[in-house]
PDB file of N, CA and C in Angstrom:
ATOM      1  N   MET A   1     -29.343   4.236  12.399  1.00  0.00           N
ATOM      2  CA  MET A   1     -29.130   5.470  13.223  1.00  0.00           C
ATOM      3  C   MET A   1     -29.705   5.278  14.587  1.00  0.00           C
ATOM      4  N   SER A   2     -29.290   6.113  15.480  1.00  0.00           N
ATOM      5  CA  SER A   2     -29.777   6.012  16.894  1.00  0.00           C
ATOM      6  C   SER A   2     -31.181   6.510  17.016  1.00  0.00           C
ATOM      7  N   SER A   3     -31.826   5.993  18.080  1.00  0.00           N
ATOM      8  CA  SER A   3     -33.220   6.394  18.287  1.00  0.00           C
ATOM      9  C   SER A   3     -33.271   7.840  18.663  1.00  0.00           C
ATOM     10  N   THR A   4     -32.209   8.426  19.309  1.00  0.00           N
ATOM     11  CA  THR A   4     -32.227   9.795  19.608  1.00  0.00           C
ATOM     12  C   THR A   4     -32.271  10.658  18.316  1.00  0.00           C
ATOM     13  N   PHE A   5     -31.439  10.296  17.339  1.00  0.00           N
ATOM     14  CA  PHE A   5     -31.426  11.021  16.078  1.00  0.00           C
ATOM     15  C   PHE A   5     -32.838  10.855  15.411  1.00  0.00           C
ATOM     16  N   GLU A   6     -33.435   9.690  15.446  1.00  0.00           N
ATOM     17  CA  GLU A   6     -34.652   9.517  14.757  1.00  0.00           C
ATOM     18  C   GLU A   6     -35.751  10.409  15.481  1.00  0.00           C
ATOM     19  N   SER A   7     -35.687  10.458  16.788  1.00  0.00           N
ATOM     20  CA  SER A   7     -36.636  11.255  17.513  1.00  0.00           C
ATOM     21  C   SER A   7     -36.528  12.800  17.123  1.00  0.00           C
ATOM     22  N   ILE A   8     -35.234  13.230  17.113  1.00  0.00           N
ATOM     23  CA  ILE A   8     -34.999  14.611  16.740  1.00  0.00           C
ATOM     24  C   ILE A   8     -35.489  14.866  15.321  1.00  0.00           C
ATOM     25  N   LYS A   9     -35.086  13.948  14.405  1.00  0.00           N
ATOM     26  CA  LYS A   9     -35.473  14.088  13.055  1.00  0.00           C
ATOM     27  C   LYS A   9     -37.031  14.220  12.866  1.00  0.00           C
ATOM     28  N   LYS A  10     -37.765  13.306  13.582  1.00  0.00           N
ATOM     29  CA  LYS A  10     -39.237  13.321  13.525  1.00  0.00           C
ATOM     30  C   LYS A  10     -39.747  14.627  14.047  1.00  0.00           C
ATOM     31  N   GLY A  11     -39.189  15.128  15.186  1.00  0.00           N
ATOM     32  CA  GLY A  11     -39.672  16.410  15.686  1.00  0.00           C
ATOM     33  C   GLY A  11     -39.438  17.581  14.762  1.00  0.00           C
ATOM     34  N   LEU A  12     -38.287  17.553  14.086  1.00  0.00           N
ATOM     35  CA  LEU A  12     -38.045  18.627  13.182  1.00  0.00           C
ATOM     36  C   LEU A  12     -38.990  18.580  12.018  1.00  0.00           C
ATOM     37  N   GLU A  13     -39.234  17.377  11.473  1.00  0.00           N
ATOM     38  CA  GLU A  13     -40.190  17.243  10.350  1.00  0.00           C
ATOM     39  C   GLU A  13     -41.557  17.643  10.729  1.00  0.00           C
ATOM     40  N   GLU A  14     -42.020  17.345  11.982  1.00  0.00           N
ATOM     41  CA  GLU A  14     -43.282  17.835  12.416  1.00  0.00           C
ATOM     42  C   GLU A  14     -43.300  19.345  12.624  1.00  0.00           C
ATOM     43  N   ALA A  15     -42.281  19.888  13.015  1.00  0.00           N
ATOM     44  CA  ALA A  15     -42.201  21.350  13.236  1.00  0.00           C
ATOM     45  C   ALA A  15     -42.334  22.117  11.846  1.00  0.00           C
ATOM     46  N   VAL A  16     -41.632  21.535  10.845  1.00  0.00           N
ATOM     47  CA  VAL A  16     -41.732  22.111   9.455  1.00  0.00           C
ATOM     48  C   VAL A  16     -43.176  21.909   8.918  1.00  0.00           C
ATOM     49  N   GLU A  17     -43.822  20.822   9.118  1.00  0.00           N
ATOM     50  CA  GLU A  17     -45.186  20.653   8.697  1.00  0.00           C
ATOM     51  C   GLU A  17     -46.090  21.647   9.378  1.00  0.00           C
ATOM     52  N   TYR A  18     -45.889  21.770  10.703  1.00  0.00           N
ATOM     53  CA  TYR A  18     -46.689  22.730  11.447  1.00  0.00           C
ATOM     54  C   TYR A  18     -46.556  24.139  10.974  1.00  0.00           C
ATOM     55  N   SER A  19     -45.230  24.533  10.681  1.00  0.00           N
ATOM     56  CA  SER A  19     -45.038  25.876  10.128  1.00  0.00           C
ATOM     57  C   SER A  19     -45.677  26.136   8.870  1.00  0.00           C
ATOM     58  N   LYS A  20     -45.915  25.091   8.093  1.00  0.00           N
ATOM     59  CA  LYS A  20     -46.543  25.198   6.753  1.00  0.00           C
ATOM     60  C   LYS A  20     -48.015  25.175   6.859  1.00  0.00           C
ATOM     61  N   GLY A  21     -48.573  25.101   8.180  1.00  0.00           N
ATOM     62  CA  GLY A  21     -50.042  25.124   8.382  1.00  0.00           C
ATOM     63  C   GLY A  21     -50.701  23.794   8.276  1.00  0.00           C
ATOM     64  N   LYS A  22     -49.928  22.672   8.199  1.00  0.00           N
ATOM     65  CA  LYS A  22     -50.463  21.426   8.044  1.00  0.00           C
ATOM     66  C   LYS A  22     -50.813  20.892   9.492  1.00  0.00           C
ATOM     67  N   LYS A  23     -51.839  20.072   9.597  1.00  0.00           N
ATOM     68  CA  LYS A  23     -52.314  19.585  10.900  1.00  0.00           C
ATOM     69  C   LYS A  23     -51.364  18.449  11.339  1.00  0.00           C
ATOM     70  N   VAL A  24     -50.713  18.608  12.378  1.00  0.00           N
ATOM     71  CA  VAL A  24     -49.894  17.576  12.955  1.00  0.00           C
ATOM     72  C   VAL A  24     -50.057  17.588  14.466  1.00  0.00           C
ATOM     73  N   CYS A  25     -49.679  16.442  15.120  1.00  0.00           N
ATOM     74  CA  CYS A  25     -49.902  16.311  16.519  1.00  0.00           C
ATOM     75  C   CYS A  25     -48.658  16.873  17.212  1.00  0.00           C
ATOM     76  N   VAL A  26     -48.687  18.214  17.419  1.00  0.00           N
ATOM     77  CA  VAL A  26     -47.603  18.868  18.163  1.00  0.00           C
ATOM     78  C   VAL A  26     -48.172  19.593  19.303  1.00  0.00           C
ATOM     79  N   ARG A  27     -47.378  19.826  20.297  1.00  0.00           N
ATOM     80  CA  ARG A  27     -47.729  20.618  21.444  1.00  0.00           C
ATOM     81  C   ARG A  27     -47.060  21.978  21.325  1.00  0.00           C
ATOM     82  N   VAL A  28     -47.822  22.986  21.223  1.00  0.00           N
ATOM     83  CA  VAL A  28     -47.301  24.384  21.106  1.00  0.00           C
ATOM     84  C   VAL A  28     -47.480  24.980  22.523  1.00  0.00           C
ATOM     85  N   PHE A  29     -46.358  25.445  23.030  1.00  0.00           N
ATOM     86  CA  PHE A  29     -46.346  26.087  24.329  1.00  0.00           C
ATOM     87  C   PHE A  29     -46.321  27.651  24.182  1.00  0.00           C
ATOM     88  N   LYS A  30     -47.298  28.329  24.600  1.00  0.00           N
ATOM     89  CA  LYS A  30     -47.292  29.736  24.478  1.00  0.00           C
ATOM     90  C   LYS A  30     -47.546  30.365  25.938  1.00  0.00           C
ATOM     91  N   PRO A  31     -46.451  30.776  26.592  1.00  0.00           N
ATOM     92  CA  PRO A  31     -46.653  31.386  27.865  1.00  0.00           C
ATOM     93  C   PRO A  31     -47.605  32.483  27.926  1.00  0.00           C
ATOM     94  N   GLU A  32     -48.400  32.615  28.934  1.00  0.00           N
ATOM     95  CA  GLU A  32     -49.347  33.643  29.141  1.00  0.00           C
ATOM     96  C   GLU A  32     -48.662  35.020  29.334  1.00  0.00           C
ATOM     97  N   PRO A  33     -49.298  36.067  28.819  1.00  0.00           N
ATOM     98  CA  PRO A  33     -48.735  37.429  29.148  1.00  0.00           C
ATOM     99  C   PRO A  33     -48.903  37.597  30.660  1.00  0.00           C
ATOM    100  N   VAL A  34     -48.054  38.474  31.228  1.00  0.00           N
ATOM    101  CA  VAL A  34     -48.054  38.581  32.655  1.00  0.00           C
ATOM    102  C   VAL A  34     -48.023  40.099  33.027  1.00  0.00           C
ATOM    103  N   ASN A  35     -48.530  40.350  34.233  1.00  0.00           N
ATOM    104  CA  ASN A  35     -48.423  41.684  34.821  1.00  0.00           C
ATOM    105  C   ASN A  35     -47.192  41.688  35.802  1.00  0.00           C
ATOM    106  N   VAL A  36     -46.085  42.139  35.322  1.00  0.00           N
ATOM    107  CA  VAL A  36     -44.815  42.059  36.028  1.00  0.00           C
ATOM    108  C   VAL A  36     -44.878  42.720  37.438  1.00  0.00           C
ATOM    109  N   LYS A  37     -45.537  43.943  37.493  1.00  0.00           N
ATOM    110  CA  LYS A  37     -45.607  44.592  38.792  1.00  0.00           C
ATOM    111  C   LYS A  37     -46.398  43.766  39.799  1.00  0.00           C
ATOM    112  N   THR A  38     -47.485  43.139  39.370  1.00  0.00           N
ATOM    113  CA  THR A  38     -48.246  42.298  40.325  1.00  0.00           C
ATOM    114  C   THR A  38     -47.418  41.214  40.754  1.00  0.00           C
ATOM    115  N   ILE A  39     -46.717  40.497  39.872  1.00  0.00           N
ATOM    116  CA  ILE A  39     -45.803  39.412  40.194  1.00  0.00           C
ATOM    117  C   ILE A  39     -44.818  39.860  41.253  1.00  0.00           C
ATOM    118  N   ARG A  40     -44.135  40.958  40.934  1.00  0.00           N
ATOM    119  CA  ARG A  40     -43.136  41.435  41.869  1.00  0.00           C
ATOM    120  C   ARG A  40     -43.721  41.792  43.276  1.00  0.00           C
ATOM    121  N   GLN A  41     -44.908  42.344  43.284  1.00  0.00           N
ATOM    122  CA  GLN A  41     -45.495  42.698  44.589  1.00  0.00           C
ATOM    123  C   GLN A  41     -45.873  41.448  45.351  1.00  0.00           C
ATOM    124  N   LYS A  42     -46.206  40.322  44.640  1.00  0.00           N
ATOM    125  CA  LYS A  42     -46.477  39.079  45.329  1.00  0.00           C
ATOM    126  C   LYS A  42     -45.280  38.535  46.006  1.00  0.00           C
ATOM    127  N   THR A  43     -44.070  38.844  45.567  1.00  0.00           N
ATOM    128  CA  THR A  43     -42.870  38.344  46.073  1.00  0.00           C
ATOM    129  C   THR A  43     -42.462  39.221  47.312  1.00  0.00           C
ATOM    130  N   HIS A  44     -43.032  40.368  47.521  1.00  0.00           N
ATOM    131  CA  HIS A  44     -42.683  41.344  48.508  1.00  0.00           C
ATOM    132  C   HIS A  44     -41.278  41.875  48.403  1.00  0.00           C
ATOM    133  N   LEU A  45     -40.772  41.961  47.172  1.00  0.00           N
ATOM    134  CA  LEU A  45     -39.452  42.452  46.881  1.00  0.00           C
ATOM    135  C   LEU A  45     -39.517  43.821  46.307  1.00  0.00           C
ATOM    136  N   THR A  46     -38.562  44.611  46.535  1.00  0.00           N
ATOM    137  CA  THR A  46     -38.406  45.971  45.804  1.00  0.00           C
ATOM    138  C   THR A  46     -38.005  45.721  44.436  1.00  0.00           C
ATOM    139  N   GLN A  47     -38.113  46.723  43.584  1.00  0.00           N
ATOM    140  CA  GLN A  47     -37.600  46.592  42.267  1.00  0.00           C
ATOM    141  C   GLN A  47     -36.119  46.127  42.184  1.00  0.00           C
ATOM    142  N   ASP A  48     -35.314  46.764  42.989  1.00  0.00           N
ATOM    143  CA  ASP A  48     -33.885  46.394  43.055  1.00  0.00           C
ATOM    144  C   ASP A  48     -33.670  44.942  43.480  1.00  0.00           C
ATOM    145  N   GLU A  49     -34.401  44.503  44.474  1.00  0.00           N
ATOM    146  CA  GLU A  49     -34.237  43.143  44.956  1.00  0.00           C
ATOM    147  C   GLU A  49     -34.764  42.101  43.937  1.00  0.00           C
ATOM    148  N   PHE A  50     -35.940  42.451  43.276  1.00  0.00           N
ATOM    149  CA  PHE A  50     -36.477  41.512  42.302  1.00  0.00           C
ATOM    150  C   PHE A  50     -35.572  41.408  41.068  1.00  0.00           C
ATOM    151  N   ALA A  51     -35.070  42.522  40.613  1.00  0.00           N
ATOM    152  CA  ALA A  51     -34.146  42.485  39.515  1.00  0.00           C
ATOM    153  C   ALA A  51     -32.882  41.671  39.778  1.00  0.00           C
ATOM    154  N   ALA A  52     -32.354  41.900  41.015  1.00  0.00           N
ATOM    155  CA  ALA A  52     -31.141  41.106  41.354  1.00  0.00           C
ATOM    156  C   ALA A  52     -31.427  39.572  41.515  1.00  0.00           C
ATOM    157  N   ALA A  53     -32.562  39.304  42.099  1.00  0.00           N
ATOM    158  CA  ALA A  53     -32.910  37.879  42.302  1.00  0.00           C
ATOM    159  C   ALA A  53     -33.107  37.095  40.995  1.00  0.00           C
ATOM    160  N   PHE A  54     -33.567  37.786  39.923  1.00  0.00           N
ATOM    161  CA  PHE A  54     -33.891  37.039  38.710  1.00  0.00           C
ATOM    162  C   PHE A  54     -32.954  37.403  37.525  1.00  0.00           C
ATOM    163  N   GLY A  55     -31.846  38.207  37.801  1.00  0.00           N
ATOM    164  CA  GLY A  55     -30.868  38.539  36.846  1.00  0.00           C
ATOM    165  C   GLY A  55     -31.413  39.429  35.754  1.00  0.00           C
ATOM    166  N   ILE A  56     -32.284  40.373  36.150  1.00  0.00           N
ATOM    167  CA  ILE A  56     -32.902  41.312  35.254  1.00  0.00           C
ATOM    168  C   ILE A  56     -32.338  42.713  35.572  1.00  0.00           C
ATOM    169  N   SER A  57     -32.131  43.501  34.527  1.00  0.00           N
ATOM    170  CA  SER A  57     -31.676  44.865  34.926  1.00  0.00           C
ATOM    171  C   SER A  57     -32.861  45.637  35.458  1.00  0.00           C
ATOM    172  N   VAL A  58     -32.601  46.521  36.352  1.00  0.00           N
ATOM    173  CA  VAL A  58     -33.721  47.349  36.953  1.00  0.00           C
ATOM    174  C   VAL A  58     -34.402  48.156  35.927  1.00  0.00           C
ATOM    175  N   ALA A  59     -33.653  48.668  34.944  1.00  0.00           N
ATOM    176  CA  ALA A  59     -34.197  49.454  33.849  1.00  0.00           C
ATOM    177  C   ALA A  59     -35.162  48.639  33.035  1.00  0.00           C
ATOM    178  N   THR A  60     -34.828  47.365  32.757  1.00  0.00           N
ATOM    179  CA  THR A  60     -35.750  46.400  32.081  1.00  0.00           C
ATOM    180  C   THR A  60     -37.025  46.188  32.828  1.00  0.00           C
ATOM    181  N   LEU A  61     -36.801  45.936  34.133  1.00  0.00           N
ATOM    182  CA  LEU A  61     -37.979  45.683  35.038  1.00  0.00           C
ATOM    183  C   LEU A  61     -38.944  46.803  34.997  1.00  0.00           C
ATOM    184  N   ARG A  62     -38.351  48.073  35.135  1.00  0.00           N
ATOM    185  CA  ARG A  62     -39.183  49.250  35.110  1.00  0.00           C
ATOM    186  C   ARG A  62     -40.042  49.400  33.780  1.00  0.00           C
ATOM    187  N   HIS A  63     -39.339  49.105  32.678  1.00  0.00           N
ATOM    188  CA  HIS A  63     -40.045  49.093  31.366  1.00  0.00           C
ATOM    189  C   HIS A  63     -41.213  48.123  31.341  1.00  0.00           C
ATOM    190  N   TRP A  64     -40.851  46.931  31.830  1.00  0.00           N
ATOM    191  CA  TRP A  64     -42.009  45.881  31.922  1.00  0.00           C
ATOM    192  C   TRP A  64     -43.162  46.388  32.834  1.00  0.00           C
ATOM    193  N   GLU A  65     -42.788  46.902  33.968  1.00  0.00           N
ATOM    194  CA  GLU A  65     -43.871  47.372  34.885  1.00  0.00           C
ATOM    195  C   GLU A  65     -44.669  48.441  34.304  1.00  0.00           C
ATOM    196  N   ARG A  66     -44.041  49.392  33.502  1.00  0.00           N
ATOM    197  CA  ARG A  66     -44.810  50.497  32.948  1.00  0.00           C
ATOM    198  C   ARG A  66     -45.593  50.065  31.721  1.00  0.00           C
ATOM    199  N   GLY A  67     -45.161  48.919  31.189  1.00  0.00           N
ATOM    200  CA  GLY A  67     -45.870  48.436  29.925  1.00  0.00           C
ATOM    201  C   GLY A  67     -45.234  48.984  28.709  1.00  0.00           C
ATOM    202  N   ASP A  68     -43.961  49.642  28.807  1.00  0.00           N
ATOM    203  CA  ASP A  68     -43.339  50.117  27.615  1.00  0.00           C
ATOM    204  C   ASP A  68     -42.783  48.919  26.780  1.00  0.00           C
ATOM    205  N   ARG A  69     -42.450  47.844  27.408  1.00  0.00           N
ATOM    206  CA  ARG A  69     -41.979  46.603  26.800  1.00  0.00           C
ATOM    207  C   ARG A  69     -42.657  45.438  27.474  1.00  0.00           C
ATOM    208  N   ASN A  70     -42.581  44.307  26.782  1.00  0.00           N
ATOM    209  CA  ASN A  70     -43.099  43.043  27.346  1.00  0.00           C
ATOM    210  C   ASN A  70     -41.978  41.989  27.487  1.00  0.00           C
ATOM    211  N   PRO A  71     -41.971  41.250  28.557  1.00  0.00           N
ATOM    212  CA  PRO A  71     -40.947  40.183  28.658  1.00  0.00           C
ATOM    213  C   PRO A  71     -41.270  39.143  27.541  1.00  0.00           C
ATOM    214  N   GLN A  72     -40.172  38.582  27.006  1.00  0.00           N
ATOM    215  CA  GLN A  72     -40.266  37.540  25.946  1.00  0.00           C
ATOM    216  C   GLN A  72     -39.424  36.404  26.305  1.00  0.00           C
ATOM    217  N   GLY A  73     -39.597  35.297  25.648  1.00  0.00           N
ATOM    218  CA  GLY A  73     -38.836  34.096  25.688  1.00  0.00           C
ATOM    219  C   GLY A  73     -38.705  33.515  27.091  1.00  0.00           C
ATOM    220  N   PRO A  74     -37.455  33.218  27.472  1.00  0.00           N
ATOM    221  CA  PRO A  74     -37.129  32.545  28.741  1.00  0.00           C
ATOM    222  C   PRO A  74     -37.574  33.538  29.959  1.00  0.00           C
ATOM    223  N   ALA A  75     -37.538  34.782  29.758  1.00  0.00           N
ATOM    224  CA  ALA A  75     -37.960  35.726  30.862  1.00  0.00           C
ATOM    225  C   ALA A  75     -39.502  35.600  31.166  1.00  0.00           C
ATOM    226  N   LEU A  76     -40.198  35.536  30.020  1.00  0.00           N
ATOM    227  CA  LEU A  76     -41.640  35.349  30.204  1.00  0.00           C
ATOM    228  C   LEU A  76     -41.982  33.931  30.846  1.00  0.00           C
ATOM    229  N   VAL A  77     -41.284  32.900  30.502  1.00  0.00           N
ATOM    230  CA  VAL A  77     -41.484  31.591  31.129  1.00  0.00           C
ATOM    231  C   VAL A  77     -41.175  31.725  32.629  1.00  0.00           C
ATOM    232  N   LEU A  78     -40.074  32.273  32.972  1.00  0.00           N
ATOM    233  CA  LEU A  78     -39.684  32.427  34.412  1.00  0.00           C
ATOM    234  C   LEU A  78     -40.698  33.277  35.179  1.00  0.00           C
ATOM    235  N   LEU A  79     -41.206  34.312  34.548  1.00  0.00           N
ATOM    236  CA  LEU A  79     -42.165  35.202  35.239  1.00  0.00           C
ATOM    237  C   LEU A  79     -43.449  34.428  35.460  1.00  0.00           C
ATOM    238  N   ASN A  80     -43.837  33.541  34.535  1.00  0.00           N
ATOM    239  CA  ASN A  80     -45.024  32.784  34.689  1.00  0.00           C
ATOM    240  C   ASN A  80     -44.909  31.783  35.863  1.00  0.00           C
ATOM    241  N   LEU A  81     -43.641  31.253  35.979  1.00  0.00           N
ATOM    242  CA  LEU A  81     -43.369  30.366  37.135  1.00  0.00           C
ATOM    243  C   LEU A  81     -43.476  31.089  38.441  1.00  0.00           C
ATOM    244  N   VAL A  82     -42.879  32.281  38.476  1.00  0.00           N
ATOM    245  CA  VAL A  82     -42.877  33.065  39.712  1.00  0.00           C
ATOM    246  C   VAL A  82     -44.382  33.478  40.037  1.00  0.00           C
ATOM    247  N   ARG A  83     -45.151  33.794  39.001  1.00  0.00           N
ATOM    248  CA  ARG A  83     -46.522  34.181  39.215  1.00  0.00           C
ATOM    249  C   ARG A  83     -47.297  32.964  39.870  1.00  0.00           C
ATOM    250  N   LYS A  84     -47.055  31.816  39.378  1.00  0.00           N
ATOM    251  CA  LYS A  84     -47.729  30.610  39.933  1.00  0.00           C
ATOM    252  C   LYS A  84     -47.235  30.097  41.292  1.00  0.00           C
ATOM    253  N   SER A  85     -45.978  30.304  41.549  1.00  0.00           N
ATOM    254  CA  SER A  85     -45.425  29.759  42.765  1.00  0.00           C
ATOM    255  C   SER A  85     -44.254  30.579  43.302  1.00  0.00           C
ATOM    256  N   PRO A  86     -44.451  31.794  43.665  1.00  0.00           N
ATOM    257  CA  PRO A  86     -43.329  32.760  44.041  1.00  0.00           C
ATOM    258  C   PRO A  86     -42.436  32.204  45.099  1.00  0.00           C
ATOM    259  N   ASP A  87     -43.046  31.636  46.186  1.00  0.00           N
ATOM    260  CA  ASP A  87     -42.250  31.132  47.322  1.00  0.00           C
ATOM    261  C   ASP A  87     -41.327  30.015  46.904  1.00  0.00           C
ATOM    262  N   THR A  88     -41.850  29.112  46.094  1.00  0.00           N
ATOM    263  CA  THR A  88     -41.069  27.973  45.589  1.00  0.00           C
ATOM    264  C   THR A  88     -39.922  28.483  44.760  1.00  0.00           C
ATOM    265  N   ILE A  89     -40.079  29.323  43.850  1.00  0.00           N
ATOM    266  CA  ILE A  89     -39.061  29.773  42.964  1.00  0.00           C
ATOM    267  C   ILE A  89     -38.017  30.558  43.747  1.00  0.00           C
ATOM    268  N   LEU A  90     -38.395  31.458  44.698  1.00  0.00           N
ATOM    269  CA  LEU A  90     -37.413  32.148  45.511  1.00  0.00           C
ATOM    270  C   LEU A  90     -36.671  31.182  46.359  1.00  0.00           C
ATOM    271  N   THR A  91     -37.201  30.188  46.942  1.00  0.00           N
ATOM    272  CA  THR A  91     -36.629  29.184  47.743  1.00  0.00           C
ATOM    273  C   THR A  91     -35.464  28.380  46.861  1.00  0.00           C
ATOM    274  N   ILE A  92     -35.841  28.064  45.711  1.00  0.00           N
ATOM    275  CA  ILE A  92     -34.924  27.404  44.786  1.00  0.00           C
ATOM    276  C   ILE A  92     -33.735  28.297  44.491  1.00  0.00           C
ATOM    277  N   LEU A  93     -33.994  29.545  44.233  1.00  0.00           N
ATOM    278  CA  LEU A  93     -32.871  30.478  43.912  1.00  0.00           C
ATOM    279  C   LEU A  93     -32.006  30.714  45.049  1.00  0.00           C
ATOM    280  N   ASN A  94     -32.500  30.678  46.266  1.00  0.00           N
ATOM    281  CA  ASN A  94     -31.741  30.974  47.507  1.00  0.00           C
ATOM    282  C   ASN A  94     -30.943  29.813  47.957  1.00  0.00           C
ATOM    283  N   GLU A  95     -31.173  28.599  47.388  1.00  0.00           N
ATOM    284  CA  GLU A  95     -30.421  27.424  47.866  1.00  0.00           C
ATOM    285  C   GLU A  95     -28.977  27.439  47.467  1.00  0.00           C
TER     286      GLU A  95
END
């Protein structure tokens, strides 16, 4: 079998072992919780502009800023990137 298949197979086996609580050498990435309002303010964008720039509905953005809901998954990863380097991310999006 191909080395790609073997690599994927090994990764899946490690993930199963990890999920069972067994000690394996895996890297678990857990994005940090974010303060969405603070992040948006660092970009100097209005709610409407921020939502449009990142493909988020304004209603969702408002829920995040009020703390009614928390961003999850890819949105949380993106917001962490924006928090760390807002100018770079906005430049990339505007290219």
